[in-house]
Amino acid sequence: MQDVPLTVTRILVHGARIHGESQITTWTGEGEPHRRSFREAGERANQLAHALRDDLGVTGDERVATLMWNNAEHVEAYYAIPSMGAVLHTLNLRLPAEQLVFIVKHAADRVVIVNGSLLPLLAPLLPHLSTVEHVVVSGPGDRSLLEGASVRVHEYEELLAGKPTAYDWPELDERQAAAMCYTSGTTGDPKGVVYSHRSIYLHSMQVNMAQSMGLTDQDTTLVVVP
């Protein structure tokens, strides 16, 4: 009976509170998989939002780009960025370099969160990414590739360290943008597609329905993006 906006924030808060012991499992290709609980991921999403706002100055519906693999840190960004009112902009790491340059400039991305192993892809593009001011690096990778770059380089874990594990999430309009991605440029330049909080919330409900995927908290899913 309660009329509340359907936002990504509500999924985040519900997941961390009700399913806090559920696990996000990341296989790195080496040794044992890395495991992080929903509760811990929720707290780290709160810390990431503080870092983006307080340290990197992300405000309003600014786009924050991610160039990342399927891992726990990417999940944290998936929740933190839309929940704070900004727009998650996932970059497709399989697109040609010239298309990535066009996309980042067209979206006016000022912050890029990148996995260290993808720095060989990002670093050569930076001289052409005039809007980018901050690069946040997560996980192992050769940071020397960023030496001499005109951007400020931050370590993901250092940004989160010491930040509050709670965040006063704003009450957002469910129809405002939560995420965006671009098509591949098969016909002209890539085109941006924007997803509202409402559409993501309703899609999340739909995949749980019995006649769709019928997912429950007893299931383990393998999520692949992009």
Protein backbone atom coordinates (compact mmCIF):
# COMPACT_ATOMS: atom_id res chain seq x y z
CA MET A 1 0.00 0.00 0.00
CA GLN A 2 2.97 2.30 0.44
CA ASP A 3 3.81 4.46 -2.57
CA VAL A 4 7.61 4.47 -2.77
CA PRO A 5 9.94 5.09 -5.72
CA LEU A 6 11.34 1.95 -7.32
CA THR A 7 15.07 2.60 -7.16
CA VAL A 8 18.35 0.69 -7.24
CA THR A 9 18.92 1.98 -3.71
CA ARG A 10 16.07 -0.16 -2.39
CA ILE A 11 17.59 -3.28 -3.96
CA LEU A 12 20.94 -2.46 -2.37
CA VAL A 13 19.54 -1.84 1.11
CA HIS A 14 17.27 -4.88 0.97
CA GLY A 15 20.03 -7.20 -0.24
CA ALA A 16 22.54 -6.10 2.38
CA ARG A 17 19.99 -6.28 5.19
CA ILE A 18 17.96 -9.39 4.36
CA HIS A 19 20.49 -11.46 2.41
CA GLY A 20 23.66 -10.22 4.09
CA GLU A 21 25.21 -13.69 4.34
CA SER A 22 24.84 -14.44 0.61
CA GLN A 23 28.11 -14.45 -1.29
CA ILE A 24 29.56 -12.67 -4.30
CA THR A 25 32.20 -15.01 -5.69
CA THR A 26 34.92 -13.73 -8.03
CA TRP A 27 37.20 -16.11 -9.90
CA THR A 28 40.45 -14.34 -10.68
CA GLY A 29 42.09 -17.17 -12.63
CA GLU A 30 44.58 -17.80 -9.84
CA GLY A 31 44.15 -19.84 -6.66
CA GLU A 32 40.92 -19.90 -4.71
CA PRO A 33 37.97 -17.69 -5.74
CA HIS A 34 37.53 -14.46 -3.81
CA ARG A 35 34.35 -14.30 -1.72
CA ARG A 36 32.56 -11.29 -0.29
CA SER A 37 29.21 -11.22 1.50
CA PHE A 38 26.30 -9.05 0.38
CA ARG A 39 26.55 -7.21 3.69
CA GLU A 40 30.21 -6.40 3.15
CA ALA A 41 29.60 -5.38 -0.45
CA GLY A 42 26.81 -3.09 0.73
CA GLU A 43 29.08 -1.40 3.25
CA ARG A 44 31.78 -1.00 0.61
CA ALA A 45 29.23 0.48 -1.81
CA ASN A 46 28.48 3.06 0.88
CA GLN A 47 32.20 3.79 1.20
CA LEU A 48 32.58 4.10 -2.58
CA ALA A 49 29.74 6.63 -2.70
CA HIS A 50 31.47 8.71 -0.02
CA ALA A 51 34.74 8.56 -1.96
CA LEU A 52 33.14 9.56 -5.25
CA ARG A 53 31.31 12.48 -3.67
CA ASP A 54 33.88 13.74 -1.15
CA ASP A 55 37.20 12.95 -2.85
CA LEU A 56 36.35 13.08 -6.56
CA GLY A 57 33.53 15.62 -6.44
CA VAL A 58 30.88 13.56 -8.23
CA THR A 59 27.57 15.42 -8.00
CA GLY A 60 24.10 15.29 -9.52
CA ASP A 61 23.53 12.94 -12.43
CA GLU A 62 27.17 12.93 -13.50
CA ARG A 63 28.29 9.85 -15.41
CA VAL A 64 30.89 7.59 -13.77
CA ALA A 65 32.48 5.08 -16.16
CA THR A 66 33.58 1.55 -15.34
CA LEU A 67 36.02 -0.51 -17.41
CA MET A 68 35.96 -3.68 -15.34
CA TRP A 69 35.60 -7.44 -15.35
CA ASN A 70 32.86 -9.40 -13.57
CA ASN A 71 33.98 -9.00 -9.98
CA ALA A 72 32.85 -7.87 -6.55
CA GLU A 73 34.20 -4.34 -6.99
CA HIS A 74 32.13 -3.94 -10.15
CA VAL A 75 29.05 -5.03 -8.19
CA GLU A 76 29.83 -2.32 -5.62
CA ALA A 77 30.01 0.29 -8.38
CA TYR A 78 26.76 -1.04 -9.88
CA TYR A 79 25.01 -0.12 -6.63
CA ALA A 80 26.92 2.89 -5.32
CA ILE A 81 26.86 5.06 -8.43
CA PRO A 82 23.11 4.95 -9.22
CA SER A 83 22.12 5.03 -5.55
CA MET A 84 23.95 8.32 -4.99
CA GLY A 85 22.09 9.84 -7.94
CA ALA A 86 24.89 9.58 -10.50
CA VAL A 87 24.76 7.44 -13.66
CA LEU A 88 26.70 4.18 -14.00
CA HIS A 89 28.32 4.13 -17.45
CA THR A 90 29.63 0.65 -18.25
CA LEU A 91 32.30 0.69 -20.98
CA ASN A 92 32.38 -2.35 -23.25
CA LEU A 93 35.99 -3.51 -23.13
CA ARG A 94 35.50 -5.43 -26.39
CA LEU A 95 34.85 -2.35 -28.51
CA PRO A 96 37.53 -0.88 -30.80
CA ALA A 97 39.70 1.88 -29.32
CA GLU A 98 38.24 4.62 -31.50
CA GLN A 99 34.71 3.73 -30.37
CA LEU A 100 35.72 3.78 -26.69
CA VAL A 101 37.24 7.24 -27.18
CA PHE A 102 34.04 8.50 -28.83
CA ILE A 103 31.84 7.00 -26.11
CA VAL A 104 33.79 8.41 -23.15
CA LYS A 105 33.91 11.89 -24.70
CA HIS A 106 30.25 11.81 -25.73
CA ALA A 107 29.17 10.78 -22.22
CA ALA A 108 31.54 13.39 -20.71
CA ASP A 109 32.90 10.85 -18.25
CA ARG A 110 35.09 12.61 -15.68
CA VAL A 111 35.83 9.53 -13.55
CA VAL A 112 36.79 6.06 -14.81
CA ILE A 113 37.03 3.04 -12.49
CA VAL A 114 39.23 0.41 -14.12
CA ASN A 115 40.65 -2.99 -13.27
CA GLY A 116 44.43 -2.96 -13.19
CA SER A 117 44.63 -5.77 -15.74
CA LEU A 118 42.81 -3.52 -18.24
CA LEU A 119 45.26 -0.62 -17.98
CA PRO A 120 46.98 -1.73 -21.24
CA LEU A 121 43.63 -1.00 -22.91
CA LEU A 122 42.88 2.29 -21.14
CA ALA A 123 46.30 3.93 -20.86
CA PRO A 124 46.88 4.51 -24.61
CA LEU A 125 43.45 6.14 -24.88
CA LEU A 126 43.92 8.68 -22.08
CA PRO A 127 45.61 11.38 -24.24
CA HIS A 128 42.41 11.41 -26.32
CA LEU A 129 39.96 11.41 -23.39
CA SER A 130 39.71 15.14 -22.77
CA THR A 131 36.90 14.89 -20.20
CA VAL A 132 38.56 12.35 -17.90
CA GLU A 133 40.14 13.81 -14.75
CA HIS A 134 40.31 10.81 -12.40
CA VAL A 135 41.24 7.16 -12.93
CA VAL A 136 40.51 4.77 -10.05
CA VAL A 137 42.45 1.49 -10.32
CA SER A 138 41.23 -1.73 -8.70
CA GLY A 139 43.19 -4.96 -8.40
CA PRO A 140 46.58 -6.06 -9.74
CA GLY A 141 48.06 -4.43 -12.81
CA ASP A 142 51.00 -2.38 -14.05
CA ARG A 143 50.43 1.17 -12.74
CA SER A 144 53.55 2.38 -14.56
CA LEU A 145 51.41 2.52 -17.71
CA LEU A 146 49.76 5.61 -16.21
CA GLU A 147 53.00 7.50 -15.57
CA GLY A 148 52.95 10.87 -17.26
CA ALA A 149 49.19 10.82 -17.75
CA SER A 150 47.38 14.11 -17.23
CA VAL A 151 44.80 12.49 -14.95
CA ARG A 152 44.84 11.93 -11.21
CA VAL A 153 45.34 8.25 -10.39
CA HIS A 154 43.72 6.72 -7.30
CA GLU A 155 43.83 3.28 -5.73
CA TYR A 156 40.34 1.86 -5.22
CA GLU A 157 41.08 0.34 -1.82
CA GLU A 158 42.81 3.50 -0.60
CA LEU A 159 39.81 5.62 -1.57
CA LEU A 160 37.48 3.36 0.40
CA ALA A 161 39.75 3.04 3.44
CA GLY A 162 38.39 4.86 6.47
CA LYS A 163 35.19 6.00 4.76
CA PRO A 164 31.90 5.55 6.70
CA THR A 165 30.14 2.25 6.05
CA ALA A 166 26.77 4.01 6.09
CA TYR A 167 25.49 6.54 3.55
CA ASP A 168 22.50 8.85 3.65
CA TRP A 169 21.15 7.89 0.24
CA PRO A 170 19.07 10.60 -1.45
CA GLU A 171 15.40 9.91 -2.23
CA LEU A 172 15.52 9.74 -6.02
CA ASP A 173 12.89 9.96 -8.72
CA GLU A 174 12.43 6.42 -10.00
CA ARG A 175 12.33 7.71 -13.58
CA GLN A 176 15.73 9.37 -13.49
CA ALA A 177 18.73 7.76 -15.14
CA ALA A 178 20.51 5.01 -13.21
CA ALA A 179 22.78 3.49 -15.84
CA MET A 180 23.78 3.84 -19.46
CA CYS A 181 25.66 1.92 -22.11
CA TYR A 182 26.40 2.42 -25.78
CA THR A 183 25.71 0.27 -28.79
CA SER A 184 28.59 -0.80 -31.00
CA GLY A 185 29.03 1.53 -33.96
CA THR A 186 27.80 -0.87 -36.65
CA THR A 187 25.82 1.96 -38.27
CA GLY A 188 27.62 5.23 -37.65
CA ASP A 189 28.78 6.29 -34.21
CA PRO A 190 27.70 4.31 -31.09
CA LYS A 191 24.39 5.39 -29.55
CA GLY A 192 23.84 5.81 -25.84
CA VAL A 193 21.00 3.93 -24.14
CA VAL A 194 19.87 5.09 -20.70
CA TYR A 195 18.11 2.90 -18.11
CA SER A 196 15.92 4.39 -15.40
CA HIS A 197 15.86 3.22 -11.79
CA ARG A 198 12.28 2.07 -12.36
CA SER A 199 13.16 -0.05 -15.39
CA ILE A 200 16.02 -1.78 -13.55
CA TYR A 201 13.84 -2.46 -10.50
CA LEU A 202 11.00 -3.90 -12.60
CA HIS A 203 13.44 -5.99 -14.66
CA SER A 204 14.90 -7.38 -11.43
CA MET A 205 11.43 -8.40 -10.29
CA GLN A 206 10.63 -9.91 -13.69
CA VAL A 207 13.64 -12.25 -13.80
CA ASN A 208 12.62 -13.66 -10.41
CA MET A 209 9.13 -14.62 -11.59
CA ALA A 210 8.29 -18.30 -11.95
CA GLN A 211 7.65 -18.06 -15.67
CA SER A 212 10.90 -16.18 -16.28
CA MET A 213 14.12 -17.36 -14.60
CA GLY A 214 12.38 -18.19 -11.33
CA LEU A 215 15.42 -17.22 -9.27
CA THR A 216 15.38 -17.57 -5.49
CA ASP A 217 17.92 -17.01 -2.73
CA GLN A 218 18.77 -20.71 -3.04
CA ASP A 219 20.22 -20.24 -6.53
CA THR A 220 23.71 -19.35 -7.71
CA THR A 221 23.90 -17.33 -10.91
CA LEU A 222 26.82 -16.69 -13.23
CA VAL A 223 26.56 -13.08 -14.41
CA VAL A 224 28.49 -12.01 -17.51
CA VAL A 225 28.86 -8.37 -18.58
CA PRO A 226 28.96 -6.81 -21.05
